[in-house]
Amino acid sequence: MPIKFYNPTSAGRRDASVLDYKAVLTKFKPERSLTVGQRRANGRNHHGVITAKHRGGGNKRLYRLIDFKRQKDDVTATVQAIEYDPNRSCHIALIQYQDGQKSYILAPAGLKVGATVQSGQSVPPEIGNTMPLSAIPGGLEIHNIELNPGQGGKLIRSAGGVGRLGAKEGEWAVVILPSGEMRRVKSACRATIGQLGNLDWINVSIGKAGRSRHMGIRPHTRAKAMNPIDHPMGGGEGRANGGRHPCSKTGVPSKGGITRNPRKNSEKLILRRRKFGLHQQRPQTVNV
């Protein structure tokens, strides 16, 4: 998708850029029957206590009901429109089945209005079609991958996301994720062929604080600008830059620390860890 740059008529416009939606989208109002209102949590749990900071406000959003399961097998659907979804970074496609039922799916790159998509065991491995991993040829690009059969897609659902199907053996298949992690997934799990669209989403510059507020992101204070009573990184004479490794407000290391529980049952399904930065120790890999 093309990126549009405006003339620097103000300080906020000078470094901002936006996506040219008119070049890709074909419908700008959602299908009313596939939308539902939602009450935003604004970073609060069921007690009203803030558990995720710096969230709240922003523009109202209608939630689009996305079909992540794609279980209407062997029924051809036609792409009616490519639409914008404020709840995710990738675009969505409005499809209509031969029996008249409509639904939303994640729009892969290259999917055009008028194209047909299918799901099932014996459908051809073409862009937008959903199949079990056991039926997908090895080496193809995939997205919207299930972790448990019939659960619905959980992996690779953001703009530009793409995975690759590796070796298959018995009831297990090896999937290479965008992070570089290699893990085993049951062959009965479904995935969709192709790479998700809206690849230029990551290249857009917000440009000003107001656009962050429109997205529901509230301002945050740097830790080193706080007092020592408020944060371990706070205090010091002048602008202090150190004294200890970067950490969270509760003292948990924020760089290079382990964020995954090594006792999880799915730990044994990971064959190769995700890629780490140069300053972090790389874990050993397993050849498959």
C-alpha atoms as a PDB file:
ATOM      1  CA  MET A   1       0.000   0.000   0.000  1.00  0.00           C
ATOM      2  CA  PRO A   2       1.399   3.451  -0.902  1.00  0.00           C
ATOM      3  CA  ILE A   3       2.423   5.793   1.900  1.00  0.00           C
ATOM      4  CA  LYS A   4       1.286   9.405   1.628  1.00  0.00           C
ATOM      5  CA  PHE A   5       3.475  12.285   2.817  1.00  0.00           C
ATOM      6  CA  TYR A   6       1.946  15.716   3.343  1.00  0.00           C
ATOM      7  CA  ASN A   7       3.565  19.100   2.960  1.00  0.00           C
ATOM      8  CA  PRO A   8       5.065  20.301   6.282  1.00  0.00           C
ATOM      9  CA  THR A   9       2.338  22.840   6.929  1.00  0.00           C
ATOM     10  CA  SER A  10       2.687  22.361  10.700  1.00  0.00           C
ATOM     11  CA  ALA A  11       5.022  20.706  13.176  1.00  0.00           C
ATOM     12  CA  GLY A  12       2.733  17.699  13.411  1.00  0.00           C
ATOM     13  CA  ARG A  13       2.570  17.259   9.638  1.00  0.00           C
ATOM     14  CA  ARG A  14       6.310  17.654   9.116  1.00  0.00           C
ATOM     15  CA  ASP A  15       7.310  14.112  10.089  1.00  0.00           C
ATOM     16  CA  ALA A  16       3.958  12.352   9.794  1.00  0.00           C
ATOM     17  CA  SER A  17       2.875   9.920   7.101  1.00  0.00           C
ATOM     18  CA  VAL A  18      -0.348   8.017   6.445  1.00  0.00           C
ATOM     19  CA  LEU A  19      -1.406   5.038   4.370  1.00  0.00           C
ATOM     20  CA  ASP A  20      -3.237   5.739   1.123  1.00  0.00           C
ATOM     21  CA  TYR A  21      -6.305   3.629   1.836  1.00  0.00           C
ATOM     22  CA  LYS A  22      -8.103   4.673  -1.329  1.00  0.00           C
ATOM     23  CA  ALA A  23      -5.494   2.845  -3.388  1.00  0.00           C
ATOM     24  CA  VAL A  24      -6.379  -0.530  -1.834  1.00  0.00           C
ATOM     25  CA  LEU A  25      -9.702  -0.458   0.010  1.00  0.00           C
ATOM     26  CA  THR A  26     -12.911  -0.885  -1.966  1.00  0.00           C
ATOM     27  CA  LYS A  27     -15.480  -0.367   0.821  1.00  0.00           C
ATOM     28  CA  PHE A  28     -15.287   2.151   3.650  1.00  0.00           C
ATOM     29  CA  LYS A  29     -18.305   1.220   5.777  1.00  0.00           C
ATOM     30  CA  PRO A  30     -18.453  -2.169   7.519  1.00  0.00           C
ATOM     31  CA  GLU A  31     -21.105  -4.821   6.990  1.00  0.00           C
ATOM     32  CA  ARG A  32     -23.636  -3.996   9.704  1.00  0.00           C
ATOM     33  CA  SER A  33     -24.586  -7.620  10.418  1.00  0.00           C
ATOM     34  CA  LEU A  34     -20.937  -8.490  11.105  1.00  0.00           C
ATOM     35  CA  THR A  35     -20.225  -5.738  13.641  1.00  0.00           C
ATOM     36  CA  VAL A  36     -20.862  -5.523  17.360  1.00  0.00           C
ATOM     37  CA  GLY A  37     -20.310  -2.805  19.924  1.00  0.00           C
ATOM     38  CA  GLN A  38     -17.675  -3.305  22.573  1.00  0.00           C
ATOM     39  CA  ARG A  39     -16.890  -1.784  25.939  1.00  0.00           C
ATOM     40  CA  ARG A  40     -13.215  -0.977  26.157  1.00  0.00           C
ATOM     41  CA  ALA A  41     -11.323  -2.088  29.233  1.00  0.00           C
ATOM     42  CA  ASN A  42      -8.835   0.804  29.072  1.00  0.00           C
ATOM     43  CA  GLY A  43      -6.204  -1.349  30.723  1.00  0.00           C
ATOM     44  CA  ARG A  44      -8.389  -2.294  33.699  1.00  0.00           C
ATOM     45  CA  ASN A  45      -9.351  -5.708  35.042  1.00  0.00           C
ATOM     46  CA  HIS A  46     -12.794  -6.781  36.329  1.00  0.00           C
ATOM     47  CA  HIS A  47     -12.141  -4.963  39.597  1.00  0.00           C
ATOM     48  CA  GLY A  48     -11.486  -1.675  37.805  1.00  0.00           C
ATOM     49  CA  VAL A  49      -7.807  -1.745  38.763  1.00  0.00           C
ATOM     50  CA  ILE A  50      -5.318  -0.607  36.112  1.00  0.00           C
ATOM     51  CA  THR A  51      -3.193  -3.609  35.120  1.00  0.00           C
ATOM     52  CA  ALA A  52      -1.885  -2.264  31.791  1.00  0.00           C
ATOM     53  CA  LYS A  53      -0.726   1.307  32.007  1.00  0.00           C
ATOM     54  CA  HIS A  54      -0.981   4.107  29.444  1.00  0.00           C
ATOM     55  CA  ARG A  55      -4.215   2.946  27.821  1.00  0.00           C
ATOM     56  CA  GLY A  56      -7.520   4.756  27.487  1.00  0.00           C
ATOM     57  CA  GLY A  57      -9.484   7.224  25.423  1.00  0.00           C
ATOM     58  CA  GLY A  58      -9.185   7.148  21.676  1.00  0.00           C
ATOM     59  CA  ASN A  59     -11.721   6.942  18.914  1.00  0.00           C
ATOM     60  CA  LYS A  60     -14.729   4.645  19.210  1.00  0.00           C
ATOM     61  CA  ARG A  61     -14.477   1.343  17.361  1.00  0.00           C
ATOM     62  CA  LEU A  62     -16.995  -1.172  16.126  1.00  0.00           C
ATOM     63  CA  TYR A  63     -15.677  -4.693  16.458  1.00  0.00           C
ATOM     64  CA  ARG A  64     -15.721  -6.703  13.230  1.00  0.00           C
ATOM     65  CA  LEU A  65     -16.581 -10.389  13.703  1.00  0.00           C
ATOM     66  CA  ILE A  66     -13.730 -12.237  11.991  1.00  0.00           C
ATOM     67  CA  ASP A  67     -14.042 -15.893  10.983  1.00  0.00           C
ATOM     68  CA  PHE A  68     -10.767 -17.321  12.297  1.00  0.00           C
ATOM     69  CA  LYS A  69     -11.980 -20.934  12.119  1.00  0.00           C
ATOM     70  CA  ARG A  70     -12.982 -21.169   8.421  1.00  0.00           C
ATOM     71  CA  GLN A  71     -14.933 -24.408   8.936  1.00  0.00           C
ATOM     72  CA  LYS A  72     -17.441 -24.004   6.075  1.00  0.00           C
ATOM     73  CA  ASP A  73     -15.752 -26.669   3.957  1.00  0.00           C
ATOM     74  CA  ASP A  74     -16.016 -27.196   0.202  1.00  0.00           C
ATOM     75  CA  VAL A  75     -18.222 -24.146  -0.302  1.00  0.00           C
ATOM     76  CA  THR A  76     -16.883 -21.479  -2.643  1.00  0.00           C
ATOM     77  CA  ALA A  77     -16.928 -17.880  -1.415  1.00  0.00           C
ATOM     78  CA  THR A  78     -16.401 -14.741  -3.474  1.00  0.00           C
ATOM     79  CA  VAL A  79     -14.495 -11.721  -2.197  1.00  0.00           C
ATOM     80  CA  GLN A  80     -16.898  -8.774  -2.105  1.00  0.00           C
ATOM     81  CA  ALA A  81     -14.643  -6.040  -0.683  1.00  0.00           C
ATOM     82  CA  ILE A  82     -11.359  -5.248   1.045  1.00  0.00           C
ATOM     83  CA  GLU A  83     -11.998  -3.168   4.174  1.00  0.00           C
ATOM     84  CA  TYR A  84     -10.180  -1.360   6.966  1.00  0.00           C
ATOM     85  CA  ASP A  85     -10.364  -2.784  10.475  1.00  0.00           C
ATOM     86  CA  PRO A  86      -9.519  -0.410  13.355  1.00  0.00           C
ATOM     87  CA  ASN A  87      -9.008  -3.355  15.711  1.00  0.00           C
ATOM     88  CA  ARG A  88      -6.004  -4.852  13.886  1.00  0.00           C
ATOM     89  CA  SER A  89      -3.112  -3.810  11.675  1.00  0.00           C
ATOM     90  CA  CYS A  90      -3.987  -5.925   8.624  1.00  0.00           C
ATOM     91  CA  HIS A  91      -6.961  -5.401   6.330  1.00  0.00           C
ATOM     92  CA  ILE A  92      -9.982  -7.689   6.232  1.00  0.00           C
ATOM     93  CA  ALA A  93     -11.918  -9.125   3.311  1.00  0.00           C
ATOM     94  CA  LEU A  94     -15.684  -9.416   3.107  1.00  0.00           C
ATOM     95  CA  ILE A  95     -16.611 -12.750   1.500  1.00  0.00           C
ATOM     96  CA  GLN A  96     -19.984 -14.180   0.496  1.00  0.00           C
ATOM     97  CA  TYR A  97     -20.617 -17.909   0.188  1.00  0.00           C
ATOM     98  CA  GLN A  98     -22.772 -19.488  -2.480  1.00  0.00           C
ATOM     99  CA  ASP A  99     -25.617 -19.909  -0.003  1.00  0.00           C
ATOM    100  CA  GLY A 100     -25.619 -16.155   0.694  1.00  0.00           C
ATOM    101  CA  GLN A 101     -23.831 -16.157   4.057  1.00  0.00           C
ATOM    102  CA  LYS A 102     -21.313 -13.359   4.554  1.00  0.00           C
ATOM    103  CA  SER A 103     -18.260 -13.276   6.800  1.00  0.00           C
ATOM    104  CA  TYR A 104     -14.999 -11.431   7.349  1.00  0.00           C
ATOM    105  CA  ILE A 105     -11.569 -13.035   6.932  1.00  0.00           C
ATOM    106  CA  LEU A 106      -8.045 -11.654   7.232  1.00  0.00           C
ATOM    107  CA  ALA A 107      -6.999 -10.332   3.830  1.00  0.00           C
ATOM    108  CA  PRO A 108      -3.731 -11.787   2.504  1.00  0.00           C
ATOM    109  CA  ALA A 109      -1.555  -9.859   0.082  1.00  0.00           C
ATOM    110  CA  GLY A 110      -2.690 -10.272  -3.507  1.00  0.00           C
ATOM    111  CA  LEU A 111      -6.323 -11.067  -2.717  1.00  0.00           C
ATOM    112  CA  LYS A 112      -8.542  -9.047  -5.057  1.00  0.00           C
ATOM    113  CA  VAL A 113     -12.247  -8.320  -5.264  1.00  0.00           C
ATOM    114  CA  GLY A 114     -13.952 -11.027  -7.308  1.00  0.00           C
ATOM    115  CA  ALA A 115     -11.496 -13.758  -6.334  1.00  0.00           C
ATOM    116  CA  THR A 116     -12.785 -16.996  -4.860  1.00  0.00           C
ATOM    117  CA  VAL A 117     -11.636 -18.640  -1.626  1.00  0.00           C
ATOM    118  CA  GLN A 118     -12.384 -22.036  -0.123  1.00  0.00           C
ATOM    119  CA  SER A 119     -11.643 -24.123   2.919  1.00  0.00           C
ATOM    120  CA  GLY A 120     -11.346 -27.848   3.384  1.00  0.00           C
ATOM    121  CA  GLN A 121      -9.126 -30.882   3.058  1.00  0.00           C
ATOM    122  CA  SER A 122      -9.042 -31.146  -0.733  1.00  0.00           C
ATOM    123  CA  VAL A 123      -9.076 -27.503  -1.894  1.00  0.00           C
ATOM    124  CA  PRO A 124      -6.145 -26.216  -3.998  1.00  0.00           C
ATOM    125  CA  PRO A 125      -3.340 -24.480  -2.055  1.00  0.00           C
ATOM    126  CA  GLU A 126      -4.045 -20.981  -3.392  1.00  0.00           C
ATOM    127  CA  ILE A 127      -3.954 -17.567  -1.701  1.00  0.00           C
ATOM    128  CA  GLY A 128      -6.785 -17.172   0.787  1.00  0.00           C
ATOM    129  CA  ASN A 129      -7.694 -20.865   0.983  1.00  0.00           C
ATOM    130  CA  THR A 130      -7.694 -22.555   4.394  1.00  0.00           C
ATOM    131  CA  MET A 131      -6.516 -26.144   4.776  1.00  0.00           C
ATOM    132  CA  PRO A 132      -5.191 -28.515   7.427  1.00  0.00           C
ATOM    133  CA  LEU A 133      -1.420 -28.480   7.687  1.00  0.00           C
ATOM    134  CA  SER A 134      -1.387 -32.114   6.588  1.00  0.00           C
ATOM    135  CA  ALA A 135      -2.813 -31.080   3.181  1.00  0.00           C
ATOM    136  CA  ILE A 136      -0.554 -28.050   2.602  1.00  0.00           C
ATOM    137  CA  PRO A 137       2.629 -28.679   0.557  1.00  0.00           C
ATOM    138  CA  GLY A 138       5.821 -28.085   2.484  1.00  0.00           C
ATOM    139  CA  GLY A 139       7.574 -24.746   2.050  1.00  0.00           C
ATOM    140  CA  LEU A 140       4.428 -22.680   1.385  1.00  0.00           C
ATOM    141  CA  GLU A 141       3.807 -19.351   3.107  1.00  0.00           C
ATOM    142  CA  ILE A 142       0.956 -19.493   5.622  1.00  0.00           C
ATOM    143  CA  HIS A 143      -0.787 -17.367   8.260  1.00  0.00           C
ATOM    144  CA  ASN A 144      -3.667 -17.590  10.775  1.00  0.00           C
ATOM    145  CA  ILE A 145      -2.414 -20.894  12.193  1.00  0.00           C
ATOM    146  CA  GLU A 146      -4.362 -22.864  14.783  1.00  0.00           C
ATOM    147  CA  LEU A 147      -2.678 -24.193  17.926  1.00  0.00           C
ATOM    148  CA  ASN A 148      -5.413 -26.772  18.581  1.00  0.00           C
ATOM    149  CA  PRO A 149      -7.682 -28.320  15.921  1.00  0.00           C
ATOM    150  CA  GLY A 150     -10.966 -26.431  15.651  1.00  0.00           C
ATOM    151  CA  GLN A 151      -9.849 -23.647  17.991  1.00  0.00           C
ATOM    152  CA  GLY A 152      -9.454 -20.989  15.317  1.00  0.00           C
ATOM    153  CA  GLY A 153      -6.319 -19.230  14.125  1.00  0.00           C
ATOM    154  CA  LYS A 154      -4.057 -17.891  16.868  1.00  0.00           C
ATOM    155  CA  LEU A 155      -0.639 -17.363  15.263  1.00  0.00           C
ATOM    156  CA  ILE A 156       0.439 -14.826  12.604  1.00  0.00           C
ATOM    157  CA  ARG A 157      -2.524 -12.460  12.373  1.00  0.00           C
ATOM    158  CA  SER A 158      -0.866  -9.007  12.054  1.00  0.00           C
ATOM    159  CA  ALA A 159       0.007  -6.964   8.968  1.00  0.00           C
ATOM    160  CA  GLY A 160       2.761  -8.477   6.841  1.00  0.00           C
ATOM    161  CA  GLY A 161       2.850 -11.626   8.970  1.00  0.00           C
ATOM    162  CA  VAL A 162       3.980 -14.810   7.269  1.00  0.00           C
ATOM    163  CA  GLY A 163       5.143 -18.222   8.401  1.00  0.00           C
ATOM    164  CA  ARG A 164       6.514 -21.173   6.514  1.00  0.00           C
ATOM    165  CA  LEU A 165       5.518 -24.812   6.717  1.00  0.00           C
ATOM    166  CA  GLY A 166       8.447 -27.148   7.227  1.00  0.00           C
ATOM    167  CA  ALA A 167       8.688 -30.902   7.614  1.00  0.00           C
ATOM    168  CA  LYS A 168       5.692 -33.079   8.435  1.00  0.00           C
ATOM    169  CA  GLU A 169       5.929 -36.342  10.315  1.00  0.00           C
ATOM    170  CA  GLY A 170       2.987 -38.316  11.608  1.00  0.00           C
ATOM    171  CA  GLU A 171       0.485 -36.144  13.442  1.00  0.00           C
ATOM    172  CA  TRP A 172       2.928 -33.240  13.789  1.00  0.00           C
ATOM    173  CA  ALA A 173       4.106 -30.508  11.431  1.00  0.00           C
ATOM    174  CA  VAL A 174       6.931 -28.000  11.876  1.00  0.00           C
ATOM    175  CA  VAL A 175       6.104 -24.310  11.399  1.00  0.00           C
ATOM    176  CA  ILE A 176       8.651 -21.483  11.194  1.00  0.00           C
ATOM    177  CA  LEU A 177       7.174 -18.314  12.695  1.00  0.00           C
ATOM    178  CA  PRO A 178       8.034 -14.706  11.726  1.00  0.00           C
ATOM    179  CA  SER A 179      10.179 -14.334  14.865  1.00  0.00           C
ATOM    180  CA  GLY A 180      12.401 -17.199  13.719  1.00  0.00           C
ATOM    181  CA  GLU A 181      10.953 -19.601  16.261  1.00  0.00           C
ATOM    182  CA  MET A 182      10.470 -23.130  15.000  1.00  0.00           C
ATOM    183  CA  ARG A 183       7.779 -25.153  16.698  1.00  0.00           C
ATOM    184  CA  ARG A 184       5.673 -28.253  16.226  1.00  0.00           C
ATOM    185  CA  VAL A 185       1.935 -27.956  15.551  1.00  0.00           C
ATOM    186  CA  LYS A 186      -0.542 -30.772  15.091  1.00  0.00           C
ATOM    187  CA  SER A 187      -1.118 -31.598  11.415  1.00  0.00           C
ATOM    188  CA  ALA A 188      -4.887 -31.429  11.908  1.00  0.00           C
ATOM    189  CA  CYS A 189      -4.636 -27.701  12.708  1.00  0.00           C
ATOM    190  CA  ARG A 190      -5.667 -25.361   9.928  1.00  0.00           C
ATOM    191  CA  ALA A 191      -3.807 -22.484   8.328  1.00  0.00           C
ATOM    192  CA  THR A 192      -4.462 -20.050   5.505  1.00  0.00           C
ATOM    193  CA  ILE A 193      -2.255 -19.801   2.417  1.00  0.00           C
ATOM    194  CA  GLY A 194      -0.335 -16.585   1.716  1.00  0.00           C
ATOM    195  CA  GLN A 195       1.178 -13.605   3.464  1.00  0.00           C
ATOM    196  CA  LEU A 196      -1.022 -11.062   5.207  1.00  0.00           C
ATOM    197  CA  GLY A 197      -1.374  -7.739   3.426  1.00  0.00           C
ATOM    198  CA  ASN A 198      -0.799  -4.095   4.414  1.00  0.00           C
ATOM    199  CA  LEU A 199       2.969  -4.611   4.571  1.00  0.00           C
ATOM    200  CA  ASP A 200       3.670  -0.857   4.712  1.00  0.00           C
ATOM    201  CA  TRP A 201       1.833  -0.477   8.007  1.00  0.00           C
ATOM    202  CA  ILE A 202       5.125  -0.722   9.909  1.00  0.00           C
ATOM    203  CA  ASN A 203       6.655   2.132   7.893  1.00  0.00           C
ATOM    204  CA  VAL A 204       4.093   4.783   8.850  1.00  0.00           C
ATOM    205  CA  SER A 205       5.350   7.574  11.104  1.00  0.00           C
ATOM    206  CA  ILE A 206       2.787   8.774  13.654  1.00  0.00           C
ATOM    207  CA  GLY A 207       4.339  12.239  13.681  1.00  0.00           C
ATOM    208  CA  LYS A 208       2.543  13.800  16.650  1.00  0.00           C
ATOM    209  CA  ALA A 209       1.177  12.904  20.067  1.00  0.00           C
ATOM    210  CA  GLY A 210      -2.439  13.518  19.051  1.00  0.00           C
ATOM    211  CA  ARG A 211      -2.505  10.528  16.731  1.00  0.00           C
ATOM    212  CA  SER A 212      -1.370   8.295  19.576  1.00  0.00           C
ATOM    213  CA  ARG A 213      -4.246   9.575  21.683  1.00  0.00           C
ATOM    214  CA  HIS A 214      -6.660   8.776  18.838  1.00  0.00           C
ATOM    215  CA  MET A 215      -5.398   5.180  18.988  1.00  0.00           C
ATOM    216  CA  GLY A 216      -6.033   4.947  22.719  1.00  0.00           C
ATOM    217  CA  ILE A 217      -2.401   5.319  23.809  1.00  0.00           C
ATOM    218  CA  ARG A 218      -1.914   7.669  26.747  1.00  0.00           C
ATOM    219  CA  PRO A 219       1.340   9.471  27.625  1.00  0.00           C
ATOM    220  CA  HIS A 220       3.954   7.710  29.718  1.00  0.00           C
ATOM    221  CA  THR A 221       6.805   9.064  31.823  1.00  0.00           C
ATOM    222  CA  ARG A 222      10.341   7.825  31.362  1.00  0.00           C
ATOM    223  CA  ALA A 223      11.626   5.883  34.353  1.00  0.00           C
ATOM    224  CA  LYS A 224      14.813   7.910  34.685  1.00  0.00           C
ATOM    225  CA  ALA A 225      12.727  11.097  34.947  1.00  0.00           C
ATOM    226  CA  MET A 226      11.003   9.839  38.118  1.00  0.00           C
ATOM    227  CA  ASN A 227      11.989  10.109  41.758  1.00  0.00           C
ATOM    228  CA  PRO A 228      13.708   7.184  43.509  1.00  0.00           C
ATOM    229  CA  ILE A 229      10.541   6.444  45.478  1.00  0.00           C
ATOM    230  CA  ASP A 230       8.583   5.985  42.234  1.00  0.00           C
ATOM    231  CA  HIS A 231      10.983   3.826  40.212  1.00  0.00           C
ATOM    232  CA  PRO A 232      14.305   2.016  40.683  1.00  0.00           C
ATOM    233  CA  MET A 233      15.735   3.974  37.732  1.00  0.00           C
ATOM    234  CA  GLY A 234      14.725   7.340  39.182  1.00  0.00           C
ATOM    235  CA  GLY A 235      16.730   9.912  41.085  1.00  0.00           C
ATOM    236  CA  GLY A 236      20.363  10.903  40.802  1.00  0.00           C
ATOM    237  CA  GLU A 237      22.086  14.243  40.438  1.00  0.00           C
ATOM    238  CA  GLY A 238      21.352  15.752  37.042  1.00  0.00           C
ATOM    239  CA  ARG A 239      20.361  13.415  34.246  1.00  0.00           C
ATOM    240  CA  ALA A 240      21.597  10.060  35.527  1.00  0.00           C
ATOM    241  CA  ASN A 241      21.929   7.269  32.989  1.00  0.00           C
ATOM    242  CA  GLY A 242      22.722   4.111  34.805  1.00  0.00           C
ATOM    243  CA  GLY A 243      23.744   2.724  38.117  1.00  0.00           C
ATOM    244  CA  ARG A 244      21.909  -0.502  37.427  1.00  0.00           C
ATOM    245  CA  HIS A 245      20.535  -2.592  34.596  1.00  0.00           C
ATOM    246  CA  PRO A 246      17.252  -1.387  33.069  1.00  0.00           C
ATOM    247  CA  CYS A 247      14.277  -2.773  34.938  1.00  0.00           C
ATOM    248  CA  SER A 248      10.551  -2.366  35.517  1.00  0.00           C
ATOM    249  CA  LYS A 249       8.918  -0.510  38.362  1.00  0.00           C
ATOM    250  CA  THR A 250       8.983  -3.697  40.442  1.00  0.00           C
ATOM    251  CA  GLY A 251      12.645  -4.379  39.699  1.00  0.00           C
ATOM    252  CA  VAL A 252      12.182  -7.041  36.996  1.00  0.00           C
ATOM    253  CA  PRO A 253      14.968  -6.795  34.346  1.00  0.00           C
ATOM    254  CA  SER A 254      13.598  -5.363  31.114  1.00  0.00           C
ATOM    255  CA  LYS A 255      16.343  -6.491  28.736  1.00  0.00           C
ATOM    256  CA  GLY A 256      17.366 -10.083  28.239  1.00  0.00           C
ATOM    257  CA  GLY A 257      15.146 -11.440  31.003  1.00  0.00           C
ATOM    258  CA  ILE A 258      13.125 -14.617  30.639  1.00  0.00           C
ATOM    259  CA  THR A 259       9.471 -13.839  29.911  1.00  0.00           C
ATOM    260  CA  ARG A 260       8.235 -17.371  29.255  1.00  0.00           C
ATOM    261  CA  ASN A 261       7.575 -19.977  31.946  1.00  0.00           C
ATOM    262  CA  PRO A 262       9.927 -22.916  31.258  1.00  0.00           C
ATOM    263  CA  ARG A 263       7.443 -25.277  32.919  1.00  0.00           C
ATOM    264  CA  LYS A 264       4.687 -24.747  30.356  1.00  0.00           C
ATOM    265  CA  ASN A 265       3.418 -27.910  28.693  1.00  0.00           C
ATOM    266  CA  SER A 266       4.015 -26.437  25.236  1.00  0.00           C
ATOM    267  CA  GLU A 267       7.704 -25.909  26.008  1.00  0.00           C
ATOM    268  CA  LYS A 268       8.556 -29.291  24.504  1.00  0.00           C
ATOM    269  CA  LEU A 269       6.956 -28.269  21.186  1.00  0.00           C
ATOM    270  CA  ILE A 270       9.484 -25.484  20.578  1.00  0.00           C
ATOM    271  CA  LEU A 271      12.358 -26.824  18.488  1.00  0.00           C
ATOM    272  CA  ARG A 272      14.213 -23.550  18.029  1.00  0.00           C
ATOM    273  CA  ARG A 273      13.897 -20.338  19.995  1.00  0.00           C
ATOM    274  CA  ARG A 274      13.042 -17.005  18.461  1.00  0.00           C
ATOM    275  CA  LYS A 275      15.866 -14.759  17.311  1.00  0.00           C
ATOM    276  CA  PHE A 276      17.602 -12.742  20.009  1.00  0.00           C
ATOM    277  CA  GLY A 277      19.519  -9.463  19.852  1.00  0.00           C
ATOM    278  CA  LEU A 278      23.293  -9.346  19.620  1.00  0.00           C
ATOM    279  CA  HIS A 279      23.581  -8.325  23.280  1.00  0.00           C
ATOM    280  CA  GLN A 280      21.662 -11.408  24.394  1.00  0.00           C
ATOM    281  CA  GLN A 281      22.870 -14.952  24.552  1.00  0.00           C
ATOM    282  CA  ARG A 282      21.484 -17.089  21.783  1.00  0.00           C
ATOM    283  CA  PRO A 283      19.984 -20.393  22.908  1.00  0.00           C
ATOM    284  CA  GLN A 284      21.058 -23.665  21.346  1.00  0.00           C
ATOM    285  CA  THR A 285      19.087 -24.774  18.311  1.00  0.00           C
ATOM    286  CA  VAL A 286      17.799 -28.187  17.428  1.00  0.00           C
ATOM    287  CA  ASN A 287      18.126 -29.476  13.888  1.00  0.00           C
ATOM    288  CA  VAL A 288      15.033 -31.096  12.478  1.00  0.00           C
END
